[in-house]
Amino acid sequence: MANKRDLKKDINYVLGDIIEAVYVWEYSNTDKDTKQSEAIIDDAIATFDDLIAKTNAKNVENKKAHFGAIKQGLEENGRALIERINKL
């Protein structure tokens, strides 16, 4: 059960840091349009909700593969969001 808890913490920290980075960008670039940055925040929140729902799924046959796929999804989505932040 500790792995599930750690996975939830990782999801929270990674996506929370991404949202914080967007807020820092918005704060330091007050003259620029924030539509793209708000879209990144919305996508980060949607990713968080999706990954937490998958983590809380009860009817999983192979837990190791299931949690591995969640970790992989977190890594891929996190990198994609970070790339979008860098393009701002």
N, C-alpha and C. Protein backbone atom coordinates (compact mmCIF):
# COMPACT_ATOMS: atom_id res chain seq x y z
N MET A 1 0.82 -1.20 0.00
CA MET A 1 0.00 0.00 0.00
C MET A 1 0.86 1.26 0.00
N ALA A 2 2.09 1.16 0.47
CA ALA A 2 2.96 2.33 0.49
C ALA A 2 3.25 2.82 -0.93
N ASN A 3 3.33 1.91 -1.89
CA ASN A 3 3.60 2.32 -3.26
C ASN A 3 2.45 3.17 -3.82
N LYS A 4 1.24 2.81 -3.49
CA LYS A 4 0.09 3.57 -3.96
C LYS A 4 0.12 4.98 -3.37
N ARG A 5 0.44 5.08 -2.12
CA ARG A 5 0.53 6.38 -1.46
C ARG A 5 1.64 7.22 -2.07
N ASP A 6 2.80 6.59 -2.32
CA ASP A 6 3.92 7.31 -2.93
C ASP A 6 3.58 7.76 -4.35
N LEU A 7 2.85 6.93 -5.08
CA LEU A 7 2.44 7.29 -6.44
C LEU A 7 1.52 8.50 -6.41
N LYS A 8 0.60 8.53 -5.48
CA LYS A 8 -0.30 9.68 -5.35
C LYS A 8 0.48 10.95 -5.01
N LYS A 9 1.47 10.81 -4.13
CA LYS A 9 2.31 11.96 -3.77
C LYS A 9 3.09 12.45 -4.99
N ASP A 10 3.64 11.51 -5.77
CA ASP A 10 4.39 11.89 -6.96
C ASP A 10 3.50 12.64 -7.95
N ILE A 11 2.29 12.14 -8.15
CA ILE A 11 1.34 12.80 -9.06
C ILE A 11 1.08 14.22 -8.56
N ASN A 12 0.82 14.35 -7.28
CA ASN A 12 0.52 15.65 -6.70
C ASN A 12 1.70 16.61 -6.83
N TYR A 13 2.91 16.14 -6.51
CA TYR A 13 4.09 17.01 -6.55
C TYR A 13 4.44 17.43 -7.97
N VAL A 14 4.44 16.48 -8.89
CA VAL A 14 4.83 16.79 -10.27
C VAL A 14 3.87 17.79 -10.89
N LEU A 15 2.60 17.50 -10.82
CA LEU A 15 1.62 18.39 -11.45
C LEU A 15 1.48 19.70 -10.68
N GLY A 16 1.66 19.66 -9.39
CA GLY A 16 1.64 20.90 -8.60
C GLY A 16 2.80 21.81 -8.96
N ASP A 17 3.97 21.22 -9.17
CA ASP A 17 5.13 22.00 -9.57
C ASP A 17 4.95 22.60 -10.97
N ILE A 18 4.30 21.86 -11.85
CA ILE A 18 4.03 22.37 -13.19
C ILE A 18 3.09 23.56 -13.12
N ILE A 19 2.04 23.44 -12.33
CA ILE A 19 1.10 24.55 -12.18
C ILE A 19 1.80 25.75 -11.56
N GLU A 20 2.64 25.51 -10.58
CA GLU A 20 3.38 26.61 -9.95
C GLU A 20 4.31 27.30 -10.96
N ALA A 21 4.93 26.52 -11.83
CA ALA A 21 5.80 27.10 -12.86
C ALA A 21 5.01 27.99 -13.81
N VAL A 22 3.80 27.59 -14.12
CA VAL A 22 2.95 28.42 -14.98
C VAL A 22 2.60 29.72 -14.27
N TYR A 23 2.27 29.65 -13.00
CA TYR A 23 1.95 30.86 -12.24
C TYR A 23 3.15 31.80 -12.18
N VAL A 24 4.34 31.25 -12.01
CA VAL A 24 5.55 32.07 -11.98
C VAL A 24 5.74 32.75 -13.33
N TRP A 25 5.52 31.99 -14.42
CA TRP A 25 5.64 32.57 -15.76
C TRP A 25 4.64 33.70 -15.94
N GLU A 26 3.39 33.47 -15.51
CA GLU A 26 2.37 34.51 -15.64
C GLU A 26 2.74 35.75 -14.84
N TYR A 27 3.28 35.54 -13.65
CA TYR A 27 3.65 36.66 -12.79
C TYR A 27 4.80 37.47 -13.39
N SER A 28 5.74 36.79 -14.01
CA SER A 28 6.89 37.49 -14.57
C SER A 28 6.64 38.02 -15.98
N ASN A 29 5.53 37.62 -16.61
CA ASN A 29 5.20 38.08 -17.96
C ASN A 29 3.78 38.65 -17.97
N THR A 30 3.58 39.70 -17.20
CA THR A 30 2.24 40.26 -17.06
C THR A 30 1.75 40.94 -18.34
N ASP A 31 2.66 41.26 -19.23
CA ASP A 31 2.26 41.93 -20.47
C ASP A 31 1.81 40.95 -21.56
N LYS A 32 1.99 39.66 -21.36
CA LYS A 32 1.63 38.67 -22.37
C LYS A 32 0.26 38.06 -22.09
N ASP A 33 -0.34 37.51 -23.15
CA ASP A 33 -1.66 36.88 -23.05
C ASP A 33 -1.54 35.57 -22.25
N THR A 34 -2.52 35.30 -21.40
CA THR A 34 -2.45 34.13 -20.53
C THR A 34 -3.36 32.99 -20.98
N LYS A 35 -3.91 33.06 -22.18
CA LYS A 35 -4.80 31.99 -22.63
C LYS A 35 -4.07 30.65 -22.71
N GLN A 36 -2.86 30.66 -23.26
CA GLN A 36 -2.10 29.41 -23.38
C GLN A 36 -1.68 28.88 -22.02
N SER A 37 -1.28 29.77 -21.14
CA SER A 37 -0.85 29.32 -19.82
C SER A 37 -2.03 28.78 -19.01
N GLU A 38 -3.20 29.39 -19.16
CA GLU A 38 -4.39 28.88 -18.48
C GLU A 38 -4.79 27.51 -19.03
N ALA A 39 -4.57 27.30 -20.32
CA ALA A 39 -4.86 25.99 -20.93
C ALA A 39 -3.92 24.93 -20.36
N ILE A 40 -2.68 25.30 -20.11
CA ILE A 40 -1.73 24.35 -19.52
C ILE A 40 -2.18 23.97 -18.11
N ILE A 41 -2.63 24.95 -17.34
CA ILE A 41 -3.12 24.67 -15.99
C ILE A 41 -4.34 23.76 -16.04
N ASP A 42 -5.26 24.04 -16.95
CA ASP A 42 -6.45 23.20 -17.09
C ASP A 42 -6.08 21.78 -17.46
N ASP A 43 -5.11 21.63 -18.38
CA ASP A 43 -4.67 20.29 -18.77
C ASP A 43 -3.97 19.57 -17.62
N ALA A 44 -3.21 20.30 -16.82
CA ALA A 44 -2.54 19.69 -15.67
C ALA A 44 -3.57 19.20 -14.65
N ILE A 45 -4.61 19.97 -14.44
CA ILE A 45 -5.66 19.56 -13.50
C ILE A 45 -6.41 18.35 -14.03
N ALA A 46 -6.70 18.34 -15.33
CA ALA A 46 -7.39 17.20 -15.94
C ALA A 46 -6.51 15.95 -15.86
N THR A 47 -5.22 16.10 -16.08
CA THR A 47 -4.29 14.98 -15.97
C THR A 47 -4.25 14.47 -14.54
N PHE A 48 -4.22 15.38 -13.58
CA PHE A 48 -4.23 14.99 -12.17
C PHE A 48 -5.47 14.17 -11.84
N ASP A 49 -6.62 14.67 -12.24
CA ASP A 49 -7.88 13.97 -11.96
C ASP A 49 -7.88 12.58 -12.59
N ASP A 50 -7.41 12.50 -13.82
CA ASP A 50 -7.39 11.22 -14.53
C ASP A 50 -6.45 10.22 -13.86
N LEU A 51 -5.24 10.67 -13.51
CA LEU A 51 -4.28 9.75 -12.91
C LEU A 51 -4.68 9.31 -11.50
N ILE A 52 -5.27 10.21 -10.74
CA ILE A 52 -5.74 9.83 -9.40
C ILE A 52 -6.89 8.83 -9.50
N ALA A 53 -7.79 9.04 -10.47
CA ALA A 53 -8.89 8.10 -10.67
C ALA A 53 -8.35 6.72 -11.05
N LYS A 54 -7.35 6.69 -11.90
CA LYS A 54 -6.74 5.40 -12.27
C LYS A 54 -6.04 4.76 -11.08
N THR A 55 -5.40 5.57 -10.25
CA THR A 55 -4.71 5.05 -9.07
C THR A 55 -5.70 4.45 -8.08
N ASN A 56 -6.87 5.05 -7.97
CA ASN A 56 -7.88 4.58 -7.02
C ASN A 56 -8.74 3.44 -7.56
N ALA A 57 -8.51 3.01 -8.79
CA ALA A 57 -9.30 1.92 -9.37
C ALA A 57 -9.15 0.65 -8.53
N LYS A 58 -10.27 0.02 -8.24
CA LYS A 58 -10.26 -1.16 -7.38
C LYS A 58 -10.13 -2.47 -8.16
N ASN A 59 -10.75 -2.55 -9.32
CA ASN A 59 -10.79 -3.79 -10.09
C ASN A 59 -9.63 -3.87 -11.06
N VAL A 60 -8.44 -4.10 -10.52
CA VAL A 60 -7.24 -4.20 -11.33
C VAL A 60 -6.68 -5.60 -11.16
N GLU A 61 -6.44 -6.28 -12.28
CA GLU A 61 -5.93 -7.64 -12.19
C GLU A 61 -4.43 -7.68 -11.92
N ASN A 62 -3.67 -6.94 -12.69
CA ASN A 62 -2.22 -6.91 -12.52
C ASN A 62 -1.82 -5.54 -11.99
N LYS A 63 -1.69 -5.44 -10.68
CA LYS A 63 -1.43 -4.14 -10.06
C LYS A 63 -0.09 -3.55 -10.46
N LYS A 64 0.91 -4.40 -10.58
CA LYS A 64 2.24 -3.90 -10.93
C LYS A 64 2.23 -3.25 -12.31
N ALA A 65 1.61 -3.89 -13.28
CA ALA A 65 1.52 -3.32 -14.62
C ALA A 65 0.65 -2.08 -14.64
N HIS A 66 -0.42 -2.10 -13.87
CA HIS A 66 -1.34 -0.96 -13.81
C HIS A 66 -0.64 0.28 -13.25
N PHE A 67 0.06 0.12 -12.13
CA PHE A 67 0.75 1.25 -11.53
C PHE A 67 1.94 1.69 -12.39
N GLY A 68 2.57 0.74 -13.07
CA GLY A 68 3.66 1.09 -13.99
C GLY A 68 3.15 1.95 -15.13
N ALA A 69 1.96 1.62 -15.64
CA ALA A 69 1.36 2.41 -16.71
C ALA A 69 1.00 3.81 -16.22
N ILE A 70 0.55 3.91 -14.98
CA ILE A 70 0.23 5.23 -14.40
C ILE A 70 1.50 6.06 -14.27
N LYS A 71 2.58 5.47 -13.80
CA LYS A 71 3.85 6.19 -13.68
C LYS A 71 4.33 6.66 -15.05
N GLN A 72 4.19 5.79 -16.05
CA GLN A 72 4.59 6.14 -17.41
C GLN A 72 3.74 7.30 -17.94
N GLY A 73 2.44 7.25 -17.67
CA GLY A 73 1.54 8.32 -18.09
C GLY A 73 1.88 9.64 -17.42
N LEU A 74 2.23 9.58 -16.14
CA LEU A 74 2.63 10.79 -15.42
C LEU A 74 3.89 11.39 -16.05
N GLU A 75 4.84 10.55 -16.36
CA GLU A 75 6.08 11.03 -16.95
C GLU A 75 5.84 11.64 -18.32
N GLU A 76 5.07 10.98 -19.16
CA GLU A 76 4.81 11.49 -20.50
C GLU A 76 4.00 12.79 -20.46
N ASN A 77 2.95 12.81 -19.67
CA ASN A 77 2.13 14.01 -19.58
C ASN A 77 2.90 15.17 -18.94
N GLY A 78 3.70 14.86 -17.94
CA GLY A 78 4.51 15.89 -17.30
C GLY A 78 5.50 16.52 -18.27
N ARG A 79 6.16 15.69 -19.05
CA ARG A 79 7.12 16.22 -20.03
C ARG A 79 6.42 17.06 -21.08
N ALA A 80 5.26 16.60 -21.53
CA ALA A 80 4.52 17.36 -22.54
C ALA A 80 4.10 18.73 -22.00
N LEU A 81 3.65 18.77 -20.75
CA LEU A 81 3.25 20.04 -20.15
C LEU A 81 4.45 20.96 -19.96
N ILE A 82 5.58 20.40 -19.57
CA ILE A 82 6.80 21.20 -19.39
C ILE A 82 7.27 21.77 -20.73
N GLU A 83 7.18 20.98 -21.78
CA GLU A 83 7.54 21.49 -23.10
C GLU A 83 6.63 22.65 -23.51
N ARG A 84 5.36 22.55 -23.19
CA ARG A 84 4.42 23.64 -23.50
C ARG A 84 4.77 24.89 -22.70
N ILE A 85 5.19 24.72 -21.45
CA ILE A 85 5.59 25.87 -20.64
C ILE A 85 6.83 26.52 -21.26
N ASN A 86 7.77 25.71 -21.69
CA ASN A 86 9.00 26.25 -22.27
C ASN A 86 8.75 27.01 -23.57
N LYS A 87 7.68 26.67 -24.28
CA LYS A 87 7.36 27.35 -25.53
C LYS A 87 6.65 28.68 -25.31
N LEU A 88 6.19 28.94 -24.09
CA LEU A 88 5.51 30.20 -23.82
C LEU A 88 6.43 31.33 -23.98
